[in-house]
């Protein structure tokens, strides 16, 4: 159980940082951001989560706002996984939690 929770938490962290990095490079890079390698990598990593957010919201949110929806969903998943991991670690003991 601990491995599954840690894996979900890690995937959420990677996706959150990819979306955050894409947003920051979008602010700094302006229109030239599309040609940057880092921006393209962040876009590739974040694209499945943005698409999943589009499927989950059922068309209630317009397409330009989907990255924010994905970010909020991932943040909620990360928070849930963190709380669950803390509970598991308290049950099995901090030494075994590693």
PDB file of N, CA and C in Angstrom:
ATOM      1  N   UNK A   1       0.819  -1.197   0.000  1.00  0.00           N
ATOM      2  CA  UNK A   1       0.000   0.000   0.000  1.00  0.00           C
ATOM      3  C   UNK A   1       0.864   1.263   0.000  1.00  0.00           C
ATOM      4  N   UNK A   2       1.945   1.216   0.763  1.00  0.00           N
ATOM      5  CA  UNK A   2       2.821   2.380   0.836  1.00  0.00           C
ATOM      6  C   UNK A   2       3.451   2.673  -0.527  1.00  0.00           C
ATOM      7  N   UNK A   3       3.822   1.625  -1.254  1.00  0.00           N
ATOM      8  CA  UNK A   3       4.424   1.818  -2.576  1.00  0.00           C
ATOM      9  C   UNK A   3       3.434   2.455  -3.546  1.00  0.00           C
ATOM     10  N   UNK A   4       2.187   2.017  -3.511  1.00  0.00           N
ATOM     11  CA  UNK A   4       1.170   2.580  -4.401  1.00  0.00           C
ATOM     12  C   UNK A   4       0.924   4.056  -4.094  1.00  0.00           C
ATOM     13  N   UNK A   5       0.829   4.391  -2.827  1.00  0.00           N
ATOM     14  CA  UNK A   5       0.584   5.786  -2.436  1.00  0.00           C
ATOM     15  C   UNK A   5       1.780   6.655  -2.813  1.00  0.00           C
ATOM     16  N   UNK A   6       2.985   6.136  -2.589  1.00  0.00           N
ATOM     17  CA  UNK A   6       4.192   6.887  -2.937  1.00  0.00           C
ATOM     18  C   UNK A   6       4.287   7.090  -4.452  1.00  0.00           C
ATOM     19  N   UNK A   7       3.878   6.088  -5.224  1.00  0.00           N
ATOM     20  CA  UNK A   7       3.911   6.208  -6.680  1.00  0.00           C
ATOM     21  C   UNK A   7       2.922   7.263  -7.167  1.00  0.00           C
ATOM     22  N   UNK A   8       1.717   7.257  -6.620  1.00  0.00           N
ATOM     23  CA  UNK A   8       0.714   8.259  -6.998  1.00  0.00           C
ATOM     24  C   UNK A   8       1.212   9.654  -6.634  1.00  0.00           C
ATOM     25  N   UNK A   9       1.796   9.775  -5.459  1.00  0.00           N
ATOM     26  CA  UNK A   9       2.330  11.070  -5.012  1.00  0.00           C
ATOM     27  C   UNK A   9       3.449  11.550  -5.935  1.00  0.00           C
ATOM     28  N   UNK A  10       4.327  10.641  -6.343  1.00  0.00           N
ATOM     29  CA  UNK A  10       5.441  10.999  -7.226  1.00  0.00           C
ATOM     30  C   UNK A  10       4.946  11.435  -8.606  1.00  0.00           C
ATOM     31  N   UNK A  11       3.990  10.712  -9.155  1.00  0.00           N
ATOM     32  CA  UNK A  11       3.447  11.080 -10.467  1.00  0.00           C
ATOM     33  C   UNK A  11       2.783  12.452 -10.399  1.00  0.00           C
ATOM     34  N   UNK A  12       2.050  12.709  -9.325  1.00  0.00           N
ATOM     35  CA  UNK A  12       1.412  14.016  -9.161  1.00  0.00           C
ATOM     36  C   UNK A  12       2.455  15.123  -9.046  1.00  0.00           C
ATOM     37  N   UNK A  13       3.547  14.854  -8.320  1.00  0.00           N
ATOM     38  CA  UNK A  13       4.602  15.859  -8.173  1.00  0.00           C
ATOM     39  C   UNK A  13       5.271  16.178  -9.509  1.00  0.00           C
ATOM     40  N   UNK A  14       5.579  15.151 -10.276  1.00  0.00           N
ATOM     41  CA  UNK A  14       6.228  15.369 -11.576  1.00  0.00           C
ATOM     42  C   UNK A  14       5.303  16.165 -12.493  1.00  0.00           C
ATOM     43  N   UNK A  15       4.029  15.787 -12.528  1.00  0.00           N
ATOM     44  CA  UNK A  15       3.073  16.502 -13.379  1.00  0.00           C
ATOM     45  C   UNK A  15       2.873  17.945 -12.917  1.00  0.00           C
ATOM     46  N   UNK A  16       2.800  18.151 -11.605  1.00  0.00           N
ATOM     47  CA  UNK A  16       2.649  19.518 -11.088  1.00  0.00           C
ATOM     48  C   UNK A  16       3.837  20.388 -11.458  1.00  0.00           C
ATOM     49  N   UNK A  17       5.040  19.840 -11.303  1.00  0.00           N
ATOM     50  CA  UNK A  17       6.222  20.628 -11.659  1.00  0.00           C
ATOM     51  C   UNK A  17       6.314  20.871 -13.157  1.00  0.00           C
ATOM     52  N   UNK A  18       5.857  19.925 -13.973  1.00  0.00           N
ATOM     53  CA  UNK A  18       5.851  20.140 -15.417  1.00  0.00           C
ATOM     54  C   UNK A  18       4.886  21.252 -15.796  1.00  0.00           C
ATOM     55  N   UNK A  19       3.695  21.246 -15.208  1.00  0.00           N
ATOM     56  CA  UNK A  19       2.732  22.304 -15.507  1.00  0.00           C
ATOM     57  C   UNK A  19       3.214  23.658 -15.000  1.00  0.00           C
ATOM     58  N   UNK A  20       3.814  23.663 -13.816  1.00  0.00           N
ATOM     59  CA  UNK A  20       4.346  24.908 -13.267  1.00  0.00           C
ATOM     60  C   UNK A  20       5.503  25.429 -14.126  1.00  0.00           C
ATOM     61  N   UNK A  21       6.381  24.534 -14.546  1.00  0.00           N
ATOM     62  CA  UNK A  21       7.499  24.932 -15.407  1.00  0.00           C
ATOM     63  C   UNK A  21       7.030  25.445 -16.750  1.00  0.00           C
ATOM     64  N   UNK A  22       6.020  24.807 -17.311  1.00  0.00           N
ATOM     65  CA  UNK A  22       5.468  25.258 -18.582  1.00  0.00           C
ATOM     66  C   UNK A  22       4.872  26.654 -18.435  1.00  0.00           C
ATOM     67  N   UNK A  23       4.172  26.887 -17.343  1.00  0.00           N
ATOM     68  CA  UNK A  23       3.569  28.199 -17.118  1.00  0.00           C
ATOM     69  C   UNK A  23       4.639  29.274 -16.947  1.00  0.00           C
ATOM     70  N   UNK A  24       5.680  28.959 -16.169  1.00  0.00           N
ATOM     71  CA  UNK A  24       6.733  29.952 -15.933  1.00  0.00           C
ATOM     72  C   UNK A  24       7.506  30.262 -17.215  1.00  0.00           C
ATOM     73  N   UNK A  25       7.827  29.231 -17.994  1.00  0.00           N
ATOM     74  CA  UNK A  25       8.518  29.483 -19.251  1.00  0.00           C
ATOM     75  C   UNK A  25       7.624  30.226 -20.235  1.00  0.00           C
ATOM     76  N   UNK A  26       6.318  29.985 -20.146  1.00  0.00           N
ATOM     77  CA  UNK A  26       5.390  30.733 -20.987  1.00  0.00           C
ATOM     78  C   UNK A  26       5.387  32.209 -20.648  1.00  0.00           C
ATOM     79  N   UNK A  27       5.510  32.520 -19.359  1.00  0.00           N
ATOM     80  CA  UNK A  27       5.584  33.925 -18.953  1.00  0.00           C
ATOM     81  C   UNK A  27       6.897  34.566 -19.388  1.00  0.00           C
ATOM     82  N   UNK A  28       7.984  33.843 -19.207  1.00  0.00           N
ATOM     83  CA  UNK A  28       9.301  34.401 -19.501  1.00  0.00           C
ATOM     84  C   UNK A  28       9.638  34.408 -20.982  1.00  0.00           C
ATOM     85  N   UNK A  29       9.180  33.390 -21.704  1.00  0.00           N
ATOM     86  CA  UNK A  29       9.582  33.224 -23.095  1.00  0.00           C
ATOM     87  C   UNK A  29       8.758  33.980 -24.100  1.00  0.00           C
ATOM     88  N   UNK A  30       7.550  34.330 -23.730  1.00  0.00           N
ATOM     89  CA  UNK A  30       6.679  35.025 -24.678  1.00  0.00           C
ATOM     90  C   UNK A  30       6.327  34.140 -25.859  1.00  0.00           C
ATOM     91  N   UNK A  31       6.351  34.719 -27.051  1.00  0.00           N
ATOM     92  CA  UNK A  31       5.969  33.957 -28.240  1.00  0.00           C
ATOM     93  C   UNK A  31       7.057  32.985 -28.689  1.00  0.00           C
ATOM     94  N   UNK A  32       8.284  33.176 -28.226  1.00  0.00           N
ATOM     95  CA  UNK A  32       9.386  32.291 -28.616  1.00  0.00           C
ATOM     96  C   UNK A  32       9.418  31.000 -27.800  1.00  0.00           C
ATOM     97  N   UNK A  33       8.496  30.859 -26.871  1.00  0.00           N
ATOM     98  CA  UNK A  33       8.518  29.691 -25.984  1.00  0.00           C
ATOM     99  C   UNK A  33       8.297  28.389 -26.736  1.00  0.00           C
ATOM    100  N   UNK A  34       7.540  28.417 -27.807  1.00  0.00           N
ATOM    101  CA  UNK A  34       7.225  27.199 -28.561  1.00  0.00           C
ATOM    102  C   UNK A  34       8.458  26.539 -29.163  1.00  0.00           C
ATOM    103  N   UNK A  35       9.514  27.295 -29.364  1.00  0.00           N
ATOM    104  CA  UNK A  35      10.723  26.762 -29.987  1.00  0.00           C
ATOM    105  C   UNK A  35      11.730  26.249 -28.967  1.00  0.00           C
ATOM    106  N   UNK A  36      11.484  26.475 -27.700  1.00  0.00           N
ATOM    107  CA  UNK A  36      12.419  26.053 -26.657  1.00  0.00           C
ATOM    108  C   UNK A  36      12.254  24.577 -26.314  1.00  0.00           C
ATOM    109  N   UNK A  37      13.365  23.906 -26.096  1.00  0.00           N
ATOM    110  CA  UNK A  37      13.356  22.478 -25.785  1.00  0.00           C
ATOM    111  C   UNK A  37      12.696  22.198 -24.446  1.00  0.00           C
ATOM    112  N   UNK A  38      13.022  22.987 -23.427  1.00  0.00           N
ATOM    113  CA  UNK A  38      12.453  22.767 -22.096  1.00  0.00           C
ATOM    114  C   UNK A  38      10.937  22.939 -22.112  1.00  0.00           C
ATOM    115  N   UNK A  39      10.462  23.940 -22.809  1.00  0.00           N
ATOM    116  CA  UNK A  39       9.023  24.172 -22.884  1.00  0.00           C
ATOM    117  C   UNK A  39       8.331  22.998 -23.571  1.00  0.00           C
ATOM    118  N   UNK A  40       8.938  22.482 -24.618  1.00  0.00           N
ATOM    119  CA  UNK A  40       8.348  21.347 -25.326  1.00  0.00           C
ATOM    120  C   UNK A  40       8.314  20.101 -24.450  1.00  0.00           C
ATOM    121  N   UNK A  41       9.361  19.888 -23.661  1.00  0.00           N
ATOM    122  CA  UNK A  41       9.384  18.736 -22.757  1.00  0.00           C
ATOM    123  C   UNK A  41       8.301  18.887 -21.694  1.00  0.00           C
ATOM    124  N   UNK A  42       8.190  20.072 -21.100  1.00  0.00           N
ATOM    125  CA  UNK A  42       7.146  20.310 -20.108  1.00  0.00           C
ATOM    126  C   UNK A  42       5.760  20.110 -20.715  1.00  0.00           C
ATOM    127  N   UNK A  43       5.599  20.526 -21.955  1.00  0.00           N
ATOM    128  CA  UNK A  43       4.316  20.389 -22.635  1.00  0.00           C
ATOM    129  C   UNK A  43       3.963  18.921 -22.882  1.00  0.00           C
ATOM    130  N   UNK A  44       4.973  18.139 -23.262  1.00  0.00           N
ATOM    131  CA  UNK A  44       4.747  16.711 -23.499  1.00  0.00           C
ATOM    132  C   UNK A  44       4.387  15.996 -22.201  1.00  0.00           C
ATOM    133  N   UNK A  45       5.074  16.348 -21.113  1.00  0.00           N
ATOM    134  CA  UNK A  45       4.805  15.705 -19.826  1.00  0.00           C
ATOM    135  C   UNK A  45       3.428  16.102 -19.294  1.00  0.00           C
ATOM    136  N   UNK A  46       3.041  17.338 -19.455  1.00  0.00           N
ATOM    137  CA  UNK A  46       1.772  17.817 -18.913  1.00  0.00           C
ATOM    138  C   UNK A  46       0.555  17.540 -19.774  1.00  0.00           C
ATOM    139  N   UNK A  47       0.765  17.231 -21.057  1.00  0.00           N
ATOM    140  CA  UNK A  47      -0.352  17.069 -21.987  1.00  0.00           C
ATOM    141  C   UNK A  47      -1.347  15.973 -21.579  1.00  0.00           C
ATOM    142  N   UNK A  48      -0.910  14.784 -21.134  1.00  0.00           N
ATOM    143  CA  UNK A  48      -1.906  13.774 -20.746  1.00  0.00           C
ATOM    144  C   UNK A  48      -2.785  14.198 -19.570  1.00  0.00           C
ATOM    145  N   UNK A  49      -2.238  14.955 -18.650  1.00  0.00           N
ATOM    146  CA  UNK A  49      -3.001  15.394 -17.488  1.00  0.00           C
ATOM    147  C   UNK A  49      -3.989  16.499 -17.856  1.00  0.00           C
ATOM    148  N   UNK A  50      -3.611  17.334 -18.805  1.00  0.00           N
ATOM    149  CA  UNK A  50      -4.536  18.354 -19.299  1.00  0.00           C
ATOM    150  C   UNK A  50      -5.674  17.698 -20.066  1.00  0.00           C
ATOM    151  N   UNK A  51      -5.347  16.669 -20.855  1.00  0.00           N
ATOM    152  CA  UNK A  51      -6.389  15.947 -21.587  1.00  0.00           C
ATOM    153  C   UNK A  51      -7.331  15.229 -20.627  1.00  0.00           C
ATOM    154  N   UNK A  52      -6.783  14.642 -19.571  1.00  0.00           N
ATOM    155  CA  UNK A  52      -7.613  13.976 -18.568  1.00  0.00           C
ATOM    156  C   UNK A  52      -8.521  14.973 -17.857  1.00  0.00           C
ATOM    157  N   UNK A  53      -8.019  16.154 -17.583  1.00  0.00           N
ATOM    158  CA  UNK A  53      -8.850  17.198 -16.968  1.00  0.00           C
ATOM    159  C   UNK A  53      -9.981  17.599 -17.906  1.00  0.00           C
ATOM    160  N   UNK A  54      -9.708  17.622 -19.202  1.00  0.00           N
ATOM    161  CA  UNK A  54     -10.754  17.932 -20.175  1.00  0.00           C
ATOM    162  C   UNK A  54     -11.843  16.879 -20.218  1.00  0.00           C
ATOM    163  N   UNK A  55     -11.445  15.618 -20.077  1.00  0.00           N
ATOM    164  CA  UNK A  55     -12.429  14.534 -20.061  1.00  0.00           C
ATOM    165  C   UNK A  55     -13.246  14.564 -18.770  1.00  0.00           C
ATOM    166  N   UNK A  56     -12.576  14.803 -17.647  1.00  0.00           N
ATOM    167  CA  UNK A  56     -13.259  14.778 -16.357  1.00  0.00           C
ATOM    168  C   UNK A  56     -14.233  15.921 -16.150  1.00  0.00           C
ATOM    169  N   UNK A  57     -13.955  17.075 -16.738  1.00  0.00           N
ATOM    170  CA  UNK A  57     -14.848  18.209 -16.474  1.00  0.00           C
ATOM    171  C   UNK A  57     -16.095  18.186 -17.345  1.00  0.00           C
ATOM    172  N   UNK A  58     -16.112  17.376 -18.376  1.00  0.00           N
ATOM    173  CA  UNK A  58     -17.318  17.214 -19.182  1.00  0.00           C
ATOM    174  C   UNK A  58     -17.700  18.423 -20.005  1.00  0.00           C
ATOM    175  N   UNK A  59     -16.757  19.259 -20.369  1.00  0.00           N
ATOM    176  CA  UNK A  59     -17.042  20.417 -21.203  1.00  0.00           C
ATOM    177  C   UNK A  59     -17.510  21.642 -20.448  1.00  0.00           C
ATOM    178  N   UNK A  60     -17.443  21.624 -19.139  1.00  0.00           N
ATOM    179  CA  UNK A  60     -17.874  22.778 -18.340  1.00  0.00           C
ATOM    180  C   UNK A  60     -16.857  23.914 -18.375  1.00  0.00           C
ATOM    181  N   UNK A  61     -15.603  23.564 -18.596  1.00  0.00           N
ATOM    182  CA  UNK A  61     -14.527  24.557 -18.582  1.00  0.00           C
ATOM    183  C   UNK A  61     -14.001  24.718 -20.001  1.00  0.00           C
ATOM    184  N   UNK A  62     -13.753  25.958 -20.397  1.00  0.00           N
ATOM    185  CA  UNK A  62     -13.225  26.206 -21.741  1.00  0.00           C
ATOM    186  C   UNK A  62     -11.791  25.700 -21.855  1.00  0.00           C
ATOM    187  N   UNK A  63     -11.364  25.383 -23.050  1.00  0.00           N
ATOM    188  CA  UNK A  63     -10.061  24.781 -23.316  1.00  0.00           C
ATOM    189  C   UNK A  63      -8.884  25.593 -22.797  1.00  0.00           C
ATOM    190  N   UNK A  64      -8.849  26.919 -22.900  1.00  0.00           N
ATOM    191  CA  UNK A  64      -7.683  27.642 -22.385  1.00  0.00           C
ATOM    192  C   UNK A  64      -7.482  27.509 -20.878  1.00  0.00           C
ATOM    193  N   UNK A  65      -8.537  27.147 -20.158  1.00  0.00           N
ATOM    194  CA  UNK A  65      -8.451  27.034 -18.705  1.00  0.00           C
ATOM    195  C   UNK A  65      -8.166  25.612 -18.225  1.00  0.00           C
ATOM    196  N   UNK A  66      -8.048  24.666 -19.133  1.00  0.00           N
ATOM    197  CA  UNK A  66      -7.820  23.279 -18.744  1.00  0.00           C
ATOM    198  C   UNK A  66      -6.513  23.057 -17.987  1.00  0.00           C
ATOM    199  N   UNK A  67      -5.415  23.758 -18.313  1.00  0.00           N
ATOM    200  CA  UNK A  67      -4.216  23.566 -17.493  1.00  0.00           C
ATOM    201  C   UNK A  67      -4.428  23.932 -16.020  1.00  0.00           C
ATOM    202  N   UNK A  68      -5.234  24.942 -15.750  1.00  0.00           N
ATOM    203  CA  UNK A  68      -5.525  25.305 -14.354  1.00  0.00           C
ATOM    204  C   UNK A  68      -6.347  24.223 -13.674  1.00  0.00           C
ATOM    205  N   UNK A  69      -7.299  23.654 -14.401  1.00  0.00           N
ATOM    206  CA  UNK A  69      -8.109  22.565 -13.851  1.00  0.00           C
ATOM    207  C   UNK A  69      -7.220  21.361 -13.550  1.00  0.00           C
ATOM    208  N   UNK A  70      -6.333  21.039 -14.492  1.00  0.00           N
ATOM    209  CA  UNK A  70      -5.407  19.919 -14.292  1.00  0.00           C
ATOM    210  C   UNK A  70      -4.512  20.178 -13.092  1.00  0.00           C
ATOM    211  N   UNK A  71      -4.017  21.397 -12.959  1.00  0.00           N
ATOM    212  CA  UNK A  71      -3.157  21.739 -11.834  1.00  0.00           C
ATOM    213  C   UNK A  71      -3.903  21.577 -10.515  1.00  0.00           C
ATOM    214  N   UNK A  72      -5.132  22.042 -10.450  1.00  0.00           N
ATOM    215  CA  UNK A  72      -5.920  21.937  -9.216  1.00  0.00           C
ATOM    216  C   UNK A  72      -6.242  20.482  -8.879  1.00  0.00           C
ATOM    217  N   UNK A  73      -6.590  19.681  -9.877  1.00  0.00           N
ATOM    218  CA  UNK A  73      -6.853  18.264  -9.639  1.00  0.00           C
ATOM    219  C   UNK A  73      -5.599  17.541  -9.158  1.00  0.00           C
ATOM    220  N   UNK A  74      -4.473  17.828  -9.784  1.00  0.00           N
ATOM    221  CA  UNK A  74      -3.216  17.204  -9.371  1.00  0.00           C
ATOM    222  C   UNK A  74      -2.810  17.648  -7.970  1.00  0.00           C
ATOM    223  N   UNK A  75      -3.065  18.899  -7.650  1.00  0.00           N
ATOM    224  CA  UNK A  75      -2.746  19.377  -6.302  1.00  0.00           C
ATOM    225  C   UNK A  75      -3.610  18.661  -5.267  1.00  0.00           C
ATOM    226  N   UNK A  76      -4.878  18.431  -5.588  1.00  0.00           N
ATOM    227  CA  UNK A  76      -5.755  17.706  -4.667  1.00  0.00           C
ATOM    228  C   UNK A  76      -5.305  16.250  -4.518  1.00  0.00           C
ATOM    229  N   UNK A  77      -4.912  15.624  -5.617  1.00  0.00           N
ATOM    230  CA  UNK A  77      -4.415  14.246  -5.566  1.00  0.00           C
ATOM    231  C   UNK A  77      -3.129  14.184  -4.754  1.00  0.00           C
ATOM    232  N   UNK A  78      -2.247  15.151  -4.961  1.00  0.00           N
ATOM    233  CA  UNK A  78      -0.992  15.174  -4.204  1.00  0.00           C
ATOM    234  C   UNK A  78      -1.260  15.340  -2.711  1.00  0.00           C
ATOM    235  N   UNK A  79      -2.177  16.220  -2.358  1.00  0.00           N
ATOM    236  CA  UNK A  79      -2.511  16.438  -0.954  1.00  0.00           C
ATOM    237  C   UNK A  79      -3.110  15.179  -0.333  1.00  0.00           C
ATOM    238  N   UNK A  80      -4.010  14.523  -1.051  1.00  0.00           N
ATOM    239  CA  UNK A  80      -4.605  13.282  -0.578  1.00  0.00           C
ATOM    240  C   UNK A  80      -3.536  12.209  -0.379  1.00  0.00           C
ATOM    241  N   UNK A  81      -2.626  12.064  -1.351  1.00  0.00           N
ATOM    242  CA  UNK A  81      -1.570  11.047  -1.248  1.00  0.00           C
ATOM    243  C   UNK A  81      -0.608  11.359  -0.110  1.00  0.00           C
ATOM    244  N   UNK A  82      -0.335  12.630   0.124  1.00  0.00           N
ATOM    245  CA  UNK A  82       0.552  13.013   1.220  1.00  0.00           C
ATOM    246  C   UNK A  82      -0.072  12.678   2.569  1.00  0.00           C
ATOM    247  N   UNK A  83      -1.337  13.004   2.733  1.00  0.00           N
ATOM    248  CA  UNK A  83      -2.023  12.690   3.989  1.00  0.00           C
ATOM    249  C   UNK A  83      -2.078  11.185   4.206  1.00  0.00           C
ATOM    250  N   UNK A  84      -2.371  10.440   3.149  1.00  0.00           N
ATOM    251  CA  UNK A  84      -2.433   8.985   3.258  1.00  0.00           C
ATOM    252  C   UNK A  84      -1.063   8.392   3.580  1.00  0.00           C
ATOM    253  N   UNK A  85      -0.014   8.937   2.986  1.00  0.00           N
ATOM    254  CA  UNK A  85       1.331   8.439   3.265  1.00  0.00           C
ATOM    255  C   UNK A  85       1.731   8.713   4.714  1.00  0.00           C
ATOM    256  N   UNK A  86       1.382   9.867   5.229  1.00  0.00           N
ATOM    257  CA  UNK A  86       1.681  10.181   6.627  1.00  0.00           C
ATOM    258  C   UNK A  86       0.946   9.217   7.553  1.00  0.00           C
ATOM    259  N   UNK A  87      -0.305   8.926   7.248  1.00  0.00           N
ATOM    260  CA  UNK A  87      -1.059   7.976   8.069  1.00  0.00           C
ATOM    261  C   UNK A  87      -0.425   6.584   8.042  1.00  0.00           C
ATOM    262  N   UNK A  88      -0.019   6.148   6.864  1.00  0.00           N
ATOM    263  CA  UNK A  88       0.611   4.833   6.738  1.00  0.00           C
ATOM    264  C   UNK A  88       1.925   4.808   7.511  1.00  0.00           C
ATOM    265  N   UNK A  89       2.718   5.860   7.383  1.00  0.00           N
ATOM    266  CA  UNK A  89       3.998   5.910   8.073  1.00  0.00           C
ATOM    267  C   UNK A  89       3.822   5.925   9.589  1.00  0.00           C
ATOM    268  N   UNK A  90       2.786   6.572  10.069  1.00  0.00           N
ATOM    269  CA  UNK A  90       2.530   6.580  11.507  1.00  0.00           C
ATOM    270  C   UNK A  90       2.077   5.215  12.007  1.00  0.00           C
ATOM    271  N   UNK A  91       1.380   4.477  11.154  1.00  0.00           N
ATOM    272  CA  UNK A  91       0.919   3.147  11.551  1.00  0.00           C
ATOM    273  C   UNK A  91       2.057   2.122  11.577  1.00  0.00           C
ATOM    274  N   UNK A  92       2.914   2.158  10.534  1.00  0.00           N
ATOM    275  CA  UNK A  92       3.966   1.129  10.464  1.00  0.00           C
ATOM    276  C   UNK A  92       5.248   1.553  11.199  1.00  0.00           C
ATOM    277  N   UNK A  93       5.345   2.805  11.528  1.00  0.00           N
ATOM    278  CA  UNK A  93       6.533   3.317  12.208  1.00  0.00           C
ATOM    279  C   UNK A  93       7.415   4.072  11.239  1.00  0.00           C
ATOM    280  N   UNK A  94       7.997   5.120  11.722  1.00  0.00           N
ATOM    281  CA  UNK A  94       8.808   5.998  10.863  1.00  0.00           C
ATOM    282  C   UNK A  94      10.077   5.323  10.383  1.00  0.00           C
ATOM    283  N   UNK A  95      10.618   4.375  11.146  1.00  0.00           N
ATOM    284  CA  UNK A  95      11.858   3.703  10.747  1.00  0.00           C
ATOM    285  C   UNK A  95      11.619   2.863   9.495  1.00  0.00           C
ATOM    286  N   UNK A  96      10.474   2.184   9.427  1.00  0.00           N
ATOM    287  CA  UNK A  96      10.163   1.343   8.274  1.00  0.00           C
ATOM    288  C   UNK A  96       9.635   2.145   7.091  1.00  0.00           C
ATOM    289  N   UNK A  97       9.259   3.373   7.310  1.00  0.00           N
ATOM    290  CA  UNK A  97       8.635   4.159   6.254  1.00  0.00           C
ATOM    291  C   UNK A  97       9.639   4.566   5.185  1.00  0.00           C
ATOM    292  N   UNK A  98      10.838   4.910   5.574  1.00  0.00           N
ATOM    293  CA  UNK A  98      11.931   5.264   4.680  1.00  0.00           C
ATOM    294  C   UNK A  98      11.529   6.023   3.531  1.00  0.00           C
TER     295      UNK A  98
END
